[in-house]
């Protein structure tokens, strides 16, 4: 009389166990993917303001302003992002007149204008005026708490910076940018004819490629990539359109200097090689031995200054007047 109910109870218990197991098998990866997607949008080093903390000292080398750190006179400036008017803030380091051109420095995701201080001295010494500014949601620029947009919106910030330099009289401009800043610069410069040449460091090819690269850097399994990507594109549909690889060819015939590090933990050299193939001429790829993500200038600052400085002088600088 009691065997049938017990059997049914055992069967029900087994079914519940399978439900628990399936919930764990399906739910655990989804949870990990959700956390990973959130970390992509809000990396652990993301901050607002200009704190002089351990990360800033390690990543930027300098914590203070151009005068404190480099003895360079500067102006605090602000200007609107193109199209949506977000207020952006930064430093303008003027060259000794007459300036040979303007350089817009665009930092990477989670960073701020202070990344540019490592470049400002050699650019200033070569006669360029340098604009270092904070992308939206970074440094002292306005923020809405939405985190990184990987160029989908930040490209408008680069356009705003070029417009600001145009208003200051700079009809010949160059861009030096890395990572998210470089992706933003590629997308922005297509319709900015005053940008005469670009120096692009450790740039991702697209958000579709960036997700598996980022997961690999974080030590997460590759099969999570499609789930993380689906979550990101659901939350931010515009990210699916971030594709520097398909757009970089539209920059031609403006010269490009791509720079990669063979120790880059986030953007493999192969990604930069893909961009090189897709880009129009003139173009060049410089692979820096032992160069890590965002730290390429630190491997050999003098060699970096010489090569990048010569590139910008050749392609951006105002030509001296012809002898009478």
C-alpha atoms as a PDB file:
ATOM      1  CA  UNK A   1       0.000   0.000   0.000  1.00  0.00           C
ATOM      2  CA  UNK A   2       2.880   2.398   0.797  1.00  0.00           C
ATOM      3  CA  UNK A   3       5.262   1.487  -2.046  1.00  0.00           C
ATOM      4  CA  UNK A   4       3.581   3.504  -4.788  1.00  0.00           C
ATOM      5  CA  UNK A   5       3.530   6.847  -2.931  1.00  0.00           C
ATOM      6  CA  UNK A   6       7.148   6.326  -1.902  1.00  0.00           C
ATOM      7  CA  UNK A   7       8.109   5.597  -5.495  1.00  0.00           C
ATOM      8  CA  UNK A   8       6.311   8.717  -6.659  1.00  0.00           C
ATOM      9  CA  UNK A   9       7.974  10.689  -3.905  1.00  0.00           C
ATOM     10  CA  UNK A  10      11.361   9.383  -4.994  1.00  0.00           C
ATOM     11  CA  UNK A  11      10.594  10.266  -8.609  1.00  0.00           C
ATOM     12  CA  UNK A  12       9.494  13.756  -7.575  1.00  0.00           C
ATOM     13  CA  UNK A  13      12.649  14.169  -5.518  1.00  0.00           C
ATOM     14  CA  UNK A  14      14.749  13.122  -8.489  1.00  0.00           C
ATOM     15  CA  UNK A  15      12.949  15.612 -10.705  1.00  0.00           C
ATOM     16  CA  UNK A  16      13.569  18.381  -8.204  1.00  0.00           C
ATOM     17  CA  UNK A  17      17.253  17.450  -8.085  1.00  0.00           C
ATOM     18  CA  UNK A  18      17.477  17.701 -11.873  1.00  0.00           C
ATOM     19  CA  UNK A  19      15.795  21.099 -11.747  1.00  0.00           C
ATOM     20  CA  UNK A  20      18.386  22.252  -9.211  1.00  0.00           C
ATOM     21  CA  UNK A  21      21.223  20.851 -11.299  1.00  0.00           C
ATOM     22  CA  UNK A  22      19.921  22.458 -14.495  1.00  0.00           C
ATOM     23  CA  UNK A  23      19.375  25.747 -12.687  1.00  0.00           C
ATOM     24  CA  UNK A  24      22.977  25.689 -11.516  1.00  0.00           C
ATOM     25  CA  UNK A  25      24.320  24.636 -14.921  1.00  0.00           C
ATOM     26  CA  UNK A  26      22.396  27.367 -16.721  1.00  0.00           C
ATOM     27  CA  UNK A  27      22.207  30.013 -14.031  1.00  0.00           C
ATOM     28  CA  UNK A  28      25.866  30.022 -12.990  1.00  0.00           C
ATOM     29  CA  UNK A  29      27.208  30.898 -16.463  1.00  0.00           C
ATOM     30  CA  UNK A  30      24.512  33.537 -16.869  1.00  0.00           C
ATOM     31  CA  UNK A  31      25.435  35.083 -13.543  1.00  0.00           C
ATOM     32  CA  UNK A  32      29.144  35.081 -14.402  1.00  0.00           C
ATOM     33  CA  UNK A  33      28.363  36.544 -17.836  1.00  0.00           C
ATOM     34  CA  UNK A  34      26.203  39.285 -16.315  1.00  0.00           C
ATOM     35  CA  UNK A  35      28.946  40.230 -13.853  1.00  0.00           C
ATOM     36  CA  UNK A  36      31.533  40.174 -16.659  1.00  0.00           C
ATOM     37  CA  UNK A  37      29.358  42.389 -18.876  1.00  0.00           C
ATOM     38  CA  UNK A  38      28.919  44.870 -16.056  1.00  0.00           C
ATOM     39  CA  UNK A  39      32.677  44.908 -15.478  1.00  0.00           C
ATOM     40  CA  UNK A  40      33.229  45.664 -19.177  1.00  0.00           C
ATOM     41  CA  UNK A  41      30.966  48.714 -18.897  1.00  0.00           C
ATOM     42  CA  UNK A  42      32.357  49.706 -15.504  1.00  0.00           C
ATOM     43  CA  UNK A  43      35.984  48.481 -15.209  1.00  0.00           C
ATOM     44  CA  UNK A  44      37.448  48.362 -11.736  1.00  0.00           C
ATOM     45  CA  UNK A  45      39.768  51.280 -12.534  1.00  0.00           C
ATOM     46  CA  UNK A  46      36.912  53.540 -13.671  1.00  0.00           C
ATOM     47  CA  UNK A  47      36.772  56.706 -11.590  1.00  0.00           C
ATOM     48  CA  UNK A  48      35.435  60.224 -11.723  1.00  0.00           C
ATOM     49  CA  UNK A  49      37.572  63.176 -10.692  1.00  0.00           C
ATOM     50  CA  UNK A  50      41.372  63.292 -10.767  1.00  0.00           C
ATOM     51  CA  UNK A  51      42.423  61.305  -7.686  1.00  0.00           C
ATOM     52  CA  UNK A  52      46.121  60.815  -7.008  1.00  0.00           C
ATOM     53  CA  UNK A  53      45.713  57.190  -5.961  1.00  0.00           C
ATOM     54  CA  UNK A  54      47.837  54.095  -6.450  1.00  0.00           C
ATOM     55  CA  UNK A  55      46.254  53.306  -9.813  1.00  0.00           C
ATOM     56  CA  UNK A  56      46.831  56.820 -11.124  1.00  0.00           C
ATOM     57  CA  UNK A  57      50.486  56.764 -10.116  1.00  0.00           C
ATOM     58  CA  UNK A  58      51.000  53.378 -11.747  1.00  0.00           C
ATOM     59  CA  UNK A  59      49.026  54.010 -14.931  1.00  0.00           C
ATOM     60  CA  UNK A  60      49.677  57.666 -15.685  1.00  0.00           C
ATOM     61  CA  UNK A  61      53.147  58.276 -14.175  1.00  0.00           C
ATOM     62  CA  UNK A  62      51.997  61.794 -13.254  1.00  0.00           C
ATOM     63  CA  UNK A  63      49.228  62.825 -10.847  1.00  0.00           C
ATOM     64  CA  UNK A  64      49.421  66.623 -11.012  1.00  0.00           C
ATOM     65  CA  UNK A  65      48.805  69.179 -13.724  1.00  0.00           C
ATOM     66  CA  UNK A  66      51.212  70.125 -16.563  1.00  0.00           C
ATOM     67  CA  UNK A  67      52.841  72.943 -14.605  1.00  0.00           C
ATOM     68  CA  UNK A  68      53.362  70.909 -11.453  1.00  0.00           C
ATOM     69  CA  UNK A  69      54.711  67.863 -13.270  1.00  0.00           C
ATOM     70  CA  UNK A  70      56.399  69.247 -16.385  1.00  0.00           C
ATOM     71  CA  UNK A  71      56.812  72.967 -15.822  1.00  0.00           C
ATOM     72  CA  UNK A  72      54.503  73.687 -18.759  1.00  0.00           C
ATOM     73  CA  UNK A  73      52.067  76.591 -18.673  1.00  0.00           C
ATOM     74  CA  UNK A  74      48.509  75.445 -19.346  1.00  0.00           C
ATOM     75  CA  UNK A  75      44.945  76.676 -19.544  1.00  0.00           C
ATOM     76  CA  UNK A  76      41.933  74.954 -17.997  1.00  0.00           C
ATOM     77  CA  UNK A  77      39.379  74.630 -20.781  1.00  0.00           C
ATOM     78  CA  UNK A  78      35.907  73.256 -21.332  1.00  0.00           C
ATOM     79  CA  UNK A  79      33.859  72.688 -24.468  1.00  0.00           C
ATOM     80  CA  UNK A  80      30.795  70.731 -25.580  1.00  0.00           C
ATOM     81  CA  UNK A  81      30.829  67.311 -27.118  1.00  0.00           C
ATOM     82  CA  UNK A  82      29.556  67.372 -30.680  1.00  0.00           C
ATOM     83  CA  UNK A  83      25.919  66.477 -31.341  1.00  0.00           C
ATOM     84  CA  UNK A  84      24.778  65.912 -27.740  1.00  0.00           C
ATOM     85  CA  UNK A  85      26.504  68.820 -25.966  1.00  0.00           C
ATOM     86  CA  UNK A  86      27.980  66.963 -22.958  1.00  0.00           C
ATOM     87  CA  UNK A  87      30.424  69.312 -21.203  1.00  0.00           C
ATOM     88  CA  UNK A  88      34.018  68.128 -21.475  1.00  0.00           C
ATOM     89  CA  UNK A  89      36.970  69.546 -19.547  1.00  0.00           C
ATOM     90  CA  UNK A  90      40.693  69.435 -20.017  1.00  0.00           C
ATOM     91  CA  UNK A  91      44.068  71.165 -20.243  1.00  0.00           C
ATOM     92  CA  UNK A  92      45.447  73.108 -23.172  1.00  0.00           C
ATOM     93  CA  UNK A  93      49.243  73.350 -23.278  1.00  0.00           C
ATOM     94  CA  UNK A  94      50.103  76.086 -25.749  1.00  0.00           C
ATOM     95  CA  UNK A  95      53.189  75.986 -27.944  1.00  0.00           C
ATOM     96  CA  UNK A  96      55.601  78.856 -28.282  1.00  0.00           C
ATOM     97  CA  UNK A  97      54.240  80.973 -31.147  1.00  0.00           C
ATOM     98  CA  UNK A  98      53.983  80.363 -33.938  1.00  0.00           C
ATOM     99  CA  UNK A  99      52.569  76.906 -33.159  1.00  0.00           C
ATOM    100  CA  UNK A 100      53.274  74.243 -35.755  1.00  0.00           C
ATOM    101  CA  UNK A 101      49.826  72.667 -35.329  1.00  0.00           C
ATOM    102  CA  UNK A 102      47.509  71.200 -32.725  1.00  0.00           C
ATOM    103  CA  UNK A 103      47.539  67.720 -31.232  1.00  0.00           C
ATOM    104  CA  UNK A 104      44.462  66.210 -29.586  1.00  0.00           C
ATOM    105  CA  UNK A 105      45.325  63.490 -27.090  1.00  0.00           C
ATOM    106  CA  UNK A 106      42.541  60.966 -26.391  1.00  0.00           C
ATOM    107  CA  UNK A 107      42.907  58.689 -23.374  1.00  0.00           C
ATOM    108  CA  UNK A 108      41.680  55.110 -22.977  1.00  0.00           C
ATOM    109  CA  UNK A 109      38.645  53.721 -21.199  1.00  0.00           C
ATOM    110  CA  UNK A 110      38.696  54.306 -17.451  1.00  0.00           C
ATOM    111  CA  UNK A 111      41.581  56.786 -17.697  1.00  0.00           C
ATOM    112  CA  UNK A 112      41.650  60.567 -17.890  1.00  0.00           C
ATOM    113  CA  UNK A 113      43.571  63.529 -19.320  1.00  0.00           C
ATOM    114  CA  UNK A 114      46.658  62.736 -17.212  1.00  0.00           C
ATOM    115  CA  UNK A 115      47.564  59.904 -19.576  1.00  0.00           C
ATOM    116  CA  UNK A 116      48.576  62.648 -21.975  1.00  0.00           C
ATOM    117  CA  UNK A 117      51.211  64.117 -19.657  1.00  0.00           C
ATOM    118  CA  UNK A 118      53.666  61.420 -20.748  1.00  0.00           C
ATOM    119  CA  UNK A 119      53.366  62.778 -24.309  1.00  0.00           C
ATOM    120  CA  UNK A 120      52.984  66.496 -23.667  1.00  0.00           C
ATOM    121  CA  UNK A 121      56.657  67.354 -23.204  1.00  0.00           C
ATOM    122  CA  UNK A 122      57.984  65.959 -26.474  1.00  0.00           C
ATOM    123  CA  UNK A 123      54.991  67.309 -28.400  1.00  0.00           C
ATOM    124  CA  UNK A 124      55.433  70.771 -26.872  1.00  0.00           C
ATOM    125  CA  UNK A 125      59.166  70.699 -27.550  1.00  0.00           C
ATOM    126  CA  UNK A 126      58.400  70.084 -31.229  1.00  0.00           C
ATOM    127  CA  UNK A 127      56.207  73.153 -31.451  1.00  0.00           C
ATOM    128  CA  UNK A 128      52.749  71.639 -31.073  1.00  0.00           C
ATOM    129  CA  UNK A 129      49.895  72.905 -28.918  1.00  0.00           C
ATOM    130  CA  UNK A 130      48.454  69.927 -27.017  1.00  0.00           C
ATOM    131  CA  UNK A 131      44.885  69.404 -25.844  1.00  0.00           C
ATOM    132  CA  UNK A 132      44.437  66.748 -23.156  1.00  0.00           C
ATOM    133  CA  UNK A 133      40.819  66.289 -22.122  1.00  0.00           C
ATOM    134  CA  UNK A 134      38.575  63.901 -20.227  1.00  0.00           C
ATOM    135  CA  UNK A 135      36.104  61.855 -22.220  1.00  0.00           C
ATOM    136  CA  UNK A 136      32.525  61.854 -20.928  1.00  0.00           C
ATOM    137  CA  UNK A 137      32.187  60.060 -17.609  1.00  0.00           C
ATOM    138  CA  UNK A 138      35.923  60.388 -16.944  1.00  0.00           C
ATOM    139  CA  UNK A 139      38.013  62.853 -14.984  1.00  0.00           C
ATOM    140  CA  UNK A 140      36.176  66.148 -14.549  1.00  0.00           C
ATOM    141  CA  UNK A 141      33.943  65.901 -17.621  1.00  0.00           C
ATOM    142  CA  UNK A 142      30.214  65.493 -17.114  1.00  0.00           C
ATOM    143  CA  UNK A 143      28.916  62.015 -16.368  1.00  0.00           C
ATOM    144  CA  UNK A 144      25.583  60.222 -16.203  1.00  0.00           C
ATOM    145  CA  UNK A 145      26.866  57.062 -14.523  1.00  0.00           C
ATOM    146  CA  UNK A 146      26.379  54.903 -17.597  1.00  0.00           C
ATOM    147  CA  UNK A 147      30.056  53.942 -17.844  1.00  0.00           C
ATOM    148  CA  UNK A 148      31.985  53.240 -21.044  1.00  0.00           C
ATOM    149  CA  UNK A 149      30.429  53.296 -24.515  1.00  0.00           C
ATOM    150  CA  UNK A 150      33.603  52.171 -26.333  1.00  0.00           C
ATOM    151  CA  UNK A 151      33.472  54.860 -28.983  1.00  0.00           C
ATOM    152  CA  UNK A 152      29.757  54.793 -29.757  1.00  0.00           C
ATOM    153  CA  UNK A 153      29.319  58.097 -27.895  1.00  0.00           C
ATOM    154  CA  UNK A 154      32.931  59.030 -27.170  1.00  0.00           C
ATOM    155  CA  UNK A 155      33.525  59.666 -30.874  1.00  0.00           C
ATOM    156  CA  UNK A 156      31.375  62.775 -30.409  1.00  0.00           C
ATOM    157  CA  UNK A 157      33.748  63.910 -27.670  1.00  0.00           C
ATOM    158  CA  UNK A 158      36.670  63.658 -30.096  1.00  0.00           C
ATOM    159  CA  UNK A 159      34.700  65.679 -32.651  1.00  0.00           C
ATOM    160  CA  UNK A 160      34.058  68.277 -29.950  1.00  0.00           C
ATOM    161  CA  UNK A 161      37.779  68.453 -29.187  1.00  0.00           C
ATOM    162  CA  UNK A 162      38.645  68.961 -32.866  1.00  0.00           C
ATOM    163  CA  UNK A 163      35.978  71.669 -33.104  1.00  0.00           C
ATOM    164  CA  UNK A 164      37.435  73.370 -30.015  1.00  0.00           C
ATOM    165  CA  UNK A 165      40.916  73.393 -31.543  1.00  0.00           C
ATOM    166  CA  UNK A 166      39.498  74.716 -34.816  1.00  0.00           C
ATOM    167  CA  UNK A 167      37.897  77.599 -32.903  1.00  0.00           C
ATOM    168  CA  UNK A 168      41.320  78.338 -31.413  1.00  0.00           C
ATOM    169  CA  UNK A 169      42.729  78.665 -34.915  1.00  0.00           C
ATOM    170  CA  UNK A 170      44.307  75.242 -35.492  1.00  0.00           C
ATOM    171  CA  UNK A 171      43.591  74.280 -39.071  1.00  0.00           C
ATOM    172  CA  UNK A 172      46.066  71.399 -39.021  1.00  0.00           C
ATOM    173  CA  UNK A 173      45.576  68.841 -36.283  1.00  0.00           C
ATOM    174  CA  UNK A 174      46.866  65.416 -35.356  1.00  0.00           C
ATOM    175  CA  UNK A 175      45.468  62.861 -32.948  1.00  0.00           C
ATOM    176  CA  UNK A 176      47.400  60.648 -30.537  1.00  0.00           C
ATOM    177  CA  UNK A 177      45.130  58.086 -28.912  1.00  0.00           C
ATOM    178  CA  UNK A 178      45.052  54.636 -27.344  1.00  0.00           C
ATOM    179  CA  UNK A 179      42.599  51.783 -26.842  1.00  0.00           C
ATOM    180  CA  UNK A 180      39.027  53.124 -26.512  1.00  0.00           C
ATOM    181  CA  UNK A 181      40.354  56.592 -27.309  1.00  0.00           C
ATOM    182  CA  UNK A 182      41.895  55.291 -30.523  1.00  0.00           C
ATOM    183  CA  UNK A 183      38.692  53.518 -31.563  1.00  0.00           C
ATOM    184  CA  UNK A 184      36.795  56.752 -30.884  1.00  0.00           C
ATOM    185  CA  UNK A 185      39.358  58.734 -32.897  1.00  0.00           C
ATOM    186  CA  UNK A 186      39.014  56.450 -35.928  1.00  0.00           C
ATOM    187  CA  UNK A 187      35.232  56.795 -35.937  1.00  0.00           C
ATOM    188  CA  UNK A 188      35.327  60.563 -35.349  1.00  0.00           C
ATOM    189  CA  UNK A 189      38.051  61.502 -37.813  1.00  0.00           C
ATOM    190  CA  UNK A 190      36.290  60.169 -40.896  1.00  0.00           C
ATOM    191  CA  UNK A 191      34.326  63.413 -41.144  1.00  0.00           C
ATOM    192  CA  UNK A 192      37.014  65.703 -39.677  1.00  0.00           C
ATOM    193  CA  UNK A 193      39.228  66.941 -42.541  1.00  0.00           C
ATOM    194  CA  UNK A 194      41.332  69.109 -40.206  1.00  0.00           C
ATOM    195  CA  UNK A 195      42.754  65.890 -38.711  1.00  0.00           C
ATOM    196  CA  UNK A 196      45.778  65.350 -40.936  1.00  0.00           C
ATOM    197  CA  UNK A 197      47.351  62.266 -39.290  1.00  0.00           C
ATOM    198  CA  UNK A 198      46.661  59.806 -36.472  1.00  0.00           C
ATOM    199  CA  UNK A 199      48.840  57.857 -34.045  1.00  0.00           C
ATOM    200  CA  UNK A 200      46.787  54.895 -32.783  1.00  0.00           C
ATOM    201  CA  UNK A 201      47.925  52.625 -29.964  1.00  0.00           C
ATOM    202  CA  UNK A 202      46.597  49.170 -29.012  1.00  0.00           C
ATOM    203  CA  UNK A 203      43.229  49.584 -30.732  1.00  0.00           C
ATOM    204  CA  UNK A 204      40.472  46.965 -30.765  1.00  0.00           C
ATOM    205  CA  UNK A 205      38.989  46.031 -34.116  1.00  0.00           C
ATOM    206  CA  UNK A 206      35.342  45.866 -32.992  1.00  0.00           C
ATOM    207  CA  UNK A 207      33.269  45.244 -29.901  1.00  0.00           C
ATOM    208  CA  UNK A 208      32.532  41.754 -31.217  1.00  0.00           C
ATOM    209  CA  UNK A 209      36.263  41.010 -31.116  1.00  0.00           C
ATOM    210  CA  UNK A 210      36.937  42.964 -27.932  1.00  0.00           C
ATOM    211  CA  UNK A 211      34.663  40.831 -25.752  1.00  0.00           C
ATOM    212  CA  UNK A 212      36.563  37.524 -26.184  1.00  0.00           C
ATOM    213  CA  UNK A 213      39.879  39.387 -25.890  1.00  0.00           C
ATOM    214  CA  UNK A 214      38.754  40.971 -22.621  1.00  0.00           C
ATOM    215  CA  UNK A 215      37.477  37.667 -21.249  1.00  0.00           C
ATOM    216  CA  UNK A 216      40.785  36.019 -22.090  1.00  0.00           C
ATOM    217  CA  UNK A 217      42.642  38.776 -20.246  1.00  0.00           C
ATOM    218  CA  UNK A 218      40.330  38.268 -17.238  1.00  0.00           C
ATOM    219  CA  UNK A 219      40.924  34.506 -17.282  1.00  0.00           C
ATOM    220  CA  UNK A 220      37.311  33.636 -18.124  1.00  0.00           C
ATOM    221  CA  UNK A 221      36.448  30.799 -20.540  1.00  0.00           C
ATOM    222  CA  UNK A 222      35.936  31.645 -24.199  1.00  0.00           C
ATOM    223  CA  UNK A 223      32.471  29.984 -24.417  1.00  0.00           C
ATOM    224  CA  UNK A 224      31.149  32.827 -22.241  1.00  0.00           C
ATOM    225  CA  UNK A 225      31.881  35.388 -24.952  1.00  0.00           C
ATOM    226  CA  UNK A 226      28.614  35.003 -26.920  1.00  0.00           C
ATOM    227  CA  UNK A 227      26.572  35.321 -23.713  1.00  0.00           C
ATOM    228  CA  UNK A 228      28.486  38.381 -22.513  1.00  0.00           C
ATOM    229  CA  UNK A 229      28.222  39.932 -25.960  1.00  0.00           C
ATOM    230  CA  UNK A 230      24.470  39.294 -26.076  1.00  0.00           C
ATOM    231  CA  UNK A 231      24.011  40.951 -22.669  1.00  0.00           C
ATOM    232  CA  UNK A 232      26.114  43.966 -23.684  1.00  0.00           C
ATOM    233  CA  UNK A 233      24.337  44.439 -26.999  1.00  0.00           C
ATOM    234  CA  UNK A 234      20.946  44.083 -25.327  1.00  0.00           C
ATOM    235  CA  UNK A 235      21.830  46.716 -22.742  1.00  0.00           C
ATOM    236  CA  UNK A 236      23.679  48.962 -25.215  1.00  0.00           C
ATOM    237  CA  UNK A 237      22.539  48.238 -28.794  1.00  0.00           C
ATOM    238  CA  UNK A 238      24.890  50.926 -30.121  1.00  0.00           C
ATOM    239  CA  UNK A 239      27.902  48.823 -29.116  1.00  0.00           C
ATOM    240  CA  UNK A 240      27.179  46.389 -31.935  1.00  0.00           C
ATOM    241  CA  UNK A 241      27.932  49.216 -34.375  1.00  0.00           C
ATOM    242  CA  UNK A 242      31.387  49.983 -32.917  1.00  0.00           C
ATOM    243  CA  UNK A 243      33.571  48.543 -35.667  1.00  0.00           C
ATOM    244  CA  UNK A 244      36.838  50.451 -36.298  1.00  0.00           C
ATOM    245  CA  UNK A 245      38.035  47.636 -38.570  1.00  0.00           C
ATOM    246  CA  UNK A 246      35.332  48.344 -41.146  1.00  0.00           C
ATOM    247  CA  UNK A 247      35.827  52.114 -40.914  1.00  0.00           C
ATOM    248  CA  UNK A 248      39.586  52.680 -40.750  1.00  0.00           C
ATOM    249  CA  UNK A 249      39.963  52.506 -44.539  1.00  0.00           C
ATOM    250  CA  UNK A 250      37.832  55.653 -44.846  1.00  0.00           C
ATOM    251  CA  UNK A 251      40.613  57.708 -43.230  1.00  0.00           C
ATOM    252  CA  UNK A 252      42.832  57.409 -46.317  1.00  0.00           C
ATOM    253  CA  UNK A 253      44.820  59.161 -47.663  1.00  0.00           C
ATOM    254  CA  UNK A 254      45.639  60.570 -44.241  1.00  0.00           C
ATOM    255  CA  UNK A 255      48.763  58.927 -42.772  1.00  0.00           C
ATOM    256  CA  UNK A 256      48.353  56.439 -39.917  1.00  0.00           C
ATOM    257  CA  UNK A 257      50.950  55.193 -37.445  1.00  0.00           C
ATOM    258  CA  UNK A 258      49.664  52.121 -35.618  1.00  0.00           C
ATOM    259  CA  UNK A 259      51.577  51.085 -32.503  1.00  0.00           C
ATOM    260  CA  UNK A 260      51.253  47.731 -30.756  1.00  0.00           C
ATOM    261  CA  UNK A 261      53.026  45.985 -27.900  1.00  0.00           C
ATOM    262  CA  UNK A 262      53.987  42.336 -28.171  1.00  0.00           C
ATOM    263  CA  UNK A 263      53.235  41.931 -24.438  1.00  0.00           C
ATOM    264  CA  UNK A 264      49.801  43.563 -24.636  1.00  0.00           C
ATOM    265  CA  UNK A 265      47.521  41.661 -22.277  1.00  0.00           C
ATOM    266  CA  UNK A 266      44.285  43.025 -23.734  1.00  0.00           C
ATOM    267  CA  UNK A 267      44.718  43.850 -27.431  1.00  0.00           C
ATOM    268  CA  UNK A 268      46.706  41.154 -29.280  1.00  0.00           C
ATOM    269  CA  UNK A 269      49.153  42.283 -31.939  1.00  0.00           C
ATOM    270  CA  UNK A 270      47.018  40.341 -34.418  1.00  0.00           C
ATOM    271  CA  UNK A 271      44.228  42.907 -33.963  1.00  0.00           C
ATOM    272  CA  UNK A 272      46.555  45.744 -34.926  1.00  0.00           C
ATOM    273  CA  UNK A 273      47.747  43.734 -37.916  1.00  0.00           C
ATOM    274  CA  UNK A 274      44.116  43.378 -39.023  1.00  0.00           C
ATOM    275  CA  UNK A 275      43.683  47.139 -38.787  1.00  0.00           C
ATOM    276  CA  UNK A 276      46.867  47.665 -40.789  1.00  0.00           C
ATOM    277  CA  UNK A 277      45.568  45.455 -43.598  1.00  0.00           C
ATOM    278  CA  UNK A 278      42.192  47.254 -43.611  1.00  0.00           C
ATOM    279  CA  UNK A 279      43.700  50.759 -43.550  1.00  0.00           C
ATOM    280  CA  UNK A 280      44.484  52.729 -46.669  1.00  0.00           C
ATOM    281  CA  UNK A 281      47.901  54.151 -47.497  1.00  0.00           C
ATOM    282  CA  UNK A 282      50.054  55.683 -46.184  1.00  0.00           C
ATOM    283  CA  UNK A 283      50.270  53.515 -43.069  1.00  0.00           C
ATOM    284  CA  UNK A 284      52.780  51.820 -40.821  1.00  0.00           C
ATOM    285  CA  UNK A 285      52.747  49.424 -37.866  1.00  0.00           C
ATOM    286  CA  UNK A 286      55.344  49.704 -35.112  1.00  0.00           C
ATOM    287  CA  UNK A 287      55.487  46.724 -32.731  1.00  0.00           C
ATOM    288  CA  UNK A 288      57.237  47.599 -29.466  1.00  0.00           C
ATOM    289  CA  UNK A 289      58.959  44.661 -27.731  1.00  0.00           C
ATOM    290  CA  UNK A 290      57.739  44.120 -24.150  1.00  0.00           C
ATOM    291  CA  UNK A 291      55.087  46.793 -24.646  1.00  0.00           C
ATOM    292  CA  UNK A 292      51.933  46.294 -22.575  1.00  0.00           C
ATOM    293  CA  UNK A 293      48.483  47.811 -22.970  1.00  0.00           C
ATOM    294  CA  UNK A 294      48.527  51.550 -22.368  1.00  0.00           C
ATOM    295  CA  UNK A 295      52.222  51.502 -21.467  1.00  0.00           C
ATOM    296  CA  UNK A 296      53.939  51.619 -24.845  1.00  0.00           C
ATOM    297  CA  UNK A 297      55.642  54.977 -24.385  1.00  0.00           C
ATOM    298  CA  UNK A 298      57.193  53.787 -21.132  1.00  0.00           C
ATOM    299  CA  UNK A 299      59.303  51.048 -22.741  1.00  0.00           C
ATOM    300  CA  UNK A 300      61.700  53.550 -24.342  1.00  0.00           C
ATOM    301  CA  UNK A 301      60.387  57.137 -24.017  1.00  0.00           C
ATOM    302  CA  UNK A 302      63.196  58.648 -26.094  1.00  0.00           C
ATOM    303  CA  UNK A 303      62.695  56.256 -29.007  1.00  0.00           C
ATOM    304  CA  UNK A 304      58.941  56.806 -28.829  1.00  0.00           C
ATOM    305  CA  UNK A 305      59.314  60.594 -28.811  1.00  0.00           C
ATOM    306  CA  UNK A 306      61.715  60.471 -31.753  1.00  0.00           C
ATOM    307  CA  UNK A 307      59.548  58.270 -33.965  1.00  0.00           C
ATOM    308  CA  UNK A 308      56.129  59.718 -33.133  1.00  0.00           C
ATOM    309  CA  UNK A 309      57.496  63.258 -33.083  1.00  0.00           C
ATOM    310  CA  UNK A 310      59.021  62.839 -36.547  1.00  0.00           C
ATOM    311  CA  UNK A 311      55.764  61.371 -37.886  1.00  0.00           C
ATOM    312  CA  UNK A 312      53.704  64.297 -36.623  1.00  0.00           C
ATOM    313  CA  UNK A 313      56.216  66.896 -37.792  1.00  0.00           C
ATOM    314  CA  UNK A 314      56.143  65.396 -41.268  1.00  0.00           C
ATOM    315  CA  UNK A 315      52.387  65.111 -41.618  1.00  0.00           C
ATOM    316  CA  UNK A 316      50.798  67.691 -39.308  1.00  0.00           C
ATOM    317  CA  UNK A 317      53.220  70.575 -38.836  1.00  0.00           C
ATOM    318  CA  UNK A 318      52.747  73.780 -40.780  1.00  0.00           C
ATOM    319  CA  UNK A 319      55.260  73.992 -43.581  1.00  0.00           C
ATOM    320  CA  UNK A 320      57.794  76.785 -43.079  1.00  0.00           C
ATOM    321  CA  UNK A 321      57.521  79.685 -45.542  1.00  0.00           C
ATOM    322  CA  UNK A 322      59.565  79.423 -48.681  1.00  0.00           C
ATOM    323  CA  UNK A 323      62.786  81.485 -48.776  1.00  0.00           C
ATOM    324  CA  UNK A 324      62.354  84.846 -50.484  1.00  0.00           C
END
